[in-house]
Amino acid sequence: MNWDAIGAIGEILGAIAVLVTLVYLARQIHLNTNEIRASRVEGTLRDQSTYNRMLAEDPDLARIYWIAVDDVEKLSEDDKRRWLHLCSVMLRNSEIAYYHYRQGHLPDPIHLSREKWIRRFMGTSGFRWWWKQYSDVLDPEFVEYVDRVLADDAT
């Protein structure tokens, strides 16, 4: 065997090693992407569950919620402040979920579930009270999205 043949074998082995490395890296990227998606789904569902748990465990907060969704003006000033913060928690969670969806890390079924929630909760007069005053603190793309969902729901 001459040196040219040994060099050619070396190049072939090097090419195979590069190919194996690329396949390995592609697999690792795929697994990492799946882990990111799973993490985003879990986080989104956990945030919603935490919010629901807050209402279930705090009767006073639940009372504020059910009064506010119908008519915020029936709340005392202190209760309005709690409503403001409760809406802020809900909307930040939704904003984060929307961001993850836009990044491709939240699957359509979870996003569509959140969209149904937007239609139900954000269509209430209590939410609209908050939205008119404070939506400017949210990401403009998210605000446009919510406005579009609510407009579609109204038609």
Protein backbone atom coordinates (compact mmCIF):
# COMPACT_ATOMS: atom_id res chain seq x y z
CA MET A 1 0.00 0.00 0.00
CA ASN A 2 1.39 3.39 -0.92
CA TRP A 3 1.07 6.73 0.84
CA ASP A 4 -1.60 7.99 -1.58
CA ALA A 5 -3.86 5.06 -0.69
CA ILE A 6 -3.28 5.60 3.04
CA GLY A 7 -4.07 9.32 2.58
CA ALA A 8 -7.28 8.48 0.70
CA ILE A 9 -8.35 6.06 3.45
CA GLY A 10 -7.61 8.76 6.01
CA GLU A 11 -9.75 11.27 4.09
CA ILE A 12 -12.61 8.76 3.85
CA LEU A 13 -12.40 8.03 7.59
CA GLY A 14 -12.29 11.77 8.30
CA ALA A 15 -15.36 12.34 6.14
CA ILE A 16 -17.20 9.52 7.90
CA ALA A 17 -16.26 11.00 11.29
CA VAL A 18 -17.57 14.42 10.21
CA LEU A 19 -20.80 12.83 8.96
CA VAL A 20 -21.28 10.89 12.21
CA THR A 21 -20.63 14.09 14.18
CA LEU A 22 -23.19 16.02 12.12
CA VAL A 23 -25.82 13.31 12.59
CA TYR A 24 -25.12 13.30 16.33
CA LEU A 25 -25.38 17.10 16.55
CA ALA A 26 -28.61 17.14 14.53
CA ARG A 27 -30.09 14.56 16.90
CA GLN A 28 -29.01 16.56 19.95
CA ILE A 29 -30.53 19.75 18.51
CA HIS A 30 -33.78 17.91 17.82
CA LEU A 31 -33.89 16.53 21.37
CA ASN A 32 -33.09 19.96 22.81
CA THR A 33 -35.87 21.56 20.76
CA ASN A 34 -38.34 18.97 22.03
CA GLU A 35 -37.23 19.64 25.61
CA ILE A 36 -37.69 23.38 25.13
CA ARG A 37 -41.20 22.84 23.75
CA ALA A 38 -42.13 20.52 26.59
CA SER A 39 -40.79 23.02 29.10
CA ARG A 40 -42.81 25.86 27.56
CA VAL A 41 -46.00 23.79 27.55
CA GLU A 42 -45.47 22.77 31.16
CA GLY A 43 -44.74 26.35 32.19
CA THR A 44 -47.80 27.70 30.40
CA LEU A 45 -50.10 25.11 31.93
CA ARG A 46 -48.53 25.58 35.36
CA ASP A 47 -49.06 29.35 35.16
CA GLN A 48 -52.73 28.86 34.33
CA SER A 49 -53.11 26.29 37.10
CA THR A 50 -51.43 28.63 39.58
CA TYR A 51 -53.86 31.37 38.66
CA ASN A 52 -56.83 29.04 39.06
CA ARG A 53 -55.42 27.80 42.37
CA MET A 54 -55.16 31.39 43.64
CA LEU A 55 -58.88 31.82 43.03
CA ALA A 56 -59.77 28.44 44.50
CA GLU A 57 -57.74 28.93 47.67
CA ASP A 58 -58.63 32.55 48.38
CA PRO A 59 -62.40 33.09 48.74
CA ASP A 60 -61.97 36.86 48.95
CA LEU A 61 -60.00 36.91 45.69
CA ALA A 62 -62.61 34.68 44.06
CA ARG A 63 -65.33 37.07 45.23
CA ILE A 64 -63.45 39.99 43.67
CA TYR A 65 -63.02 38.03 40.45
CA TRP A 66 -66.69 37.17 40.05
CA ILE A 67 -67.87 40.68 40.87
CA ALA A 68 -65.25 42.31 38.64
CA VAL A 69 -65.91 40.26 35.52
CA ASP A 70 -69.46 41.65 35.53
CA ASP A 71 -68.98 45.18 36.88
CA VAL A 72 -65.73 46.55 38.28
CA GLU A 73 -67.52 49.61 39.60
CA LYS A 74 -69.21 47.42 42.23
CA LEU A 75 -65.80 46.87 43.85
CA SER A 76 -64.30 48.99 46.60
CA GLU A 77 -61.12 50.90 45.74
CA ASP A 78 -59.00 48.30 47.55
CA ASP A 79 -60.70 45.49 45.66
CA LYS A 80 -60.17 47.34 42.37
CA ARG A 81 -56.45 47.42 43.13
CA ARG A 82 -56.48 43.67 43.76
CA TRP A 83 -58.40 43.19 40.50
CA LEU A 84 -55.81 45.28 38.70
CA HIS A 85 -53.03 43.02 39.97
CA LEU A 86 -55.00 39.86 39.26
CA CYS A 87 -55.53 40.96 35.66
CA SER A 88 -51.86 41.84 35.41
CA VAL A 89 -50.88 38.33 36.49
CA MET A 90 -53.27 36.74 34.00
CA LEU A 91 -52.21 38.95 31.13
CA ARG A 92 -48.48 38.59 31.73
CA ASN A 93 -48.94 34.82 31.72
CA SER A 94 -50.86 35.07 28.45
CA GLU A 95 -48.28 37.43 26.99
CA ILE A 96 -45.48 35.01 27.82
CA ALA A 97 -47.43 32.10 26.33
CA TYR A 98 -48.05 34.12 23.15
CA TYR A 99 -44.34 34.93 22.92
CA HIS A 100 -43.48 31.22 23.21
CA TYR A 101 -46.07 30.43 20.53
CA ARG A 102 -44.56 33.01 18.16
CA GLN A 103 -41.13 31.46 18.76
CA GLY A 104 -42.51 28.04 17.79
CA HIS A 105 -42.15 26.60 21.29
CA LEU A 106 -45.85 26.27 22.10
CA PRO A 107 -47.94 23.87 19.99
CA ASP A 108 -51.15 24.94 18.28
CA PRO A 109 -53.54 23.03 20.61
CA ILE A 110 -52.16 24.82 23.68
CA HIS A 111 -52.23 28.16 21.89
CA LEU A 112 -55.82 27.61 20.73
CA SER A 113 -56.80 26.70 24.28
CA ARG A 114 -55.31 30.01 25.49
CA GLU A 115 -57.17 31.80 22.70
CA LYS A 116 -60.47 30.37 23.95
CA TRP A 117 -59.58 31.63 27.39
CA ILE A 118 -58.87 35.08 25.94
CA ARG A 119 -62.29 35.12 24.32
CA ARG A 120 -64.05 34.08 27.52
CA PHE A 121 -62.20 36.11 30.11
CA MET A 122 -61.05 39.06 28.08
CA GLY A 123 -64.48 39.58 26.62
CA THR A 124 -65.89 40.51 30.04
CA SER A 125 -66.56 44.09 31.10
CA GLY A 126 -64.15 43.73 34.03
CA PHE A 127 -61.32 42.80 31.73
CA ARG A 128 -62.13 45.59 29.31
CA TRP A 129 -61.92 48.05 32.21
CA TRP A 130 -58.33 46.89 32.83
CA TRP A 131 -57.49 46.70 29.12
CA LYS A 132 -58.49 50.32 28.42
CA GLN A 133 -56.25 51.60 31.19
CA TYR A 134 -53.23 49.31 31.17
CA SER A 135 -52.81 47.42 27.89
CA ASP A 136 -50.08 49.89 26.90
CA VAL A 137 -47.72 48.19 29.39
CA LEU A 138 -47.82 44.97 27.36
CA ASP A 139 -45.94 43.96 24.23
CA PRO A 140 -47.56 45.77 21.25
CA GLU A 141 -47.71 42.56 19.20
CA PHE A 142 -49.57 40.82 22.01
CA VAL A 143 -51.96 43.78 22.33
CA GLU A 144 -52.66 43.64 18.59
CA TYR A 145 -53.24 39.90 18.83
CA VAL A 146 -55.72 40.23 21.72
CA ASP A 147 -57.51 43.11 19.98
CA ARG A 148 -57.76 40.98 16.83
CA VAL A 149 -59.12 37.97 18.75
CA LEU A 150 -61.69 40.12 20.54
CA ALA A 151 -62.68 41.85 17.28
CA ASP A 152 -63.11 38.47 15.55
CA ASP A 153 -65.21 37.30 18.47
CA ALA A 154 -67.43 40.40 18.26
CA THR A 155 -68.24 39.79 14.58
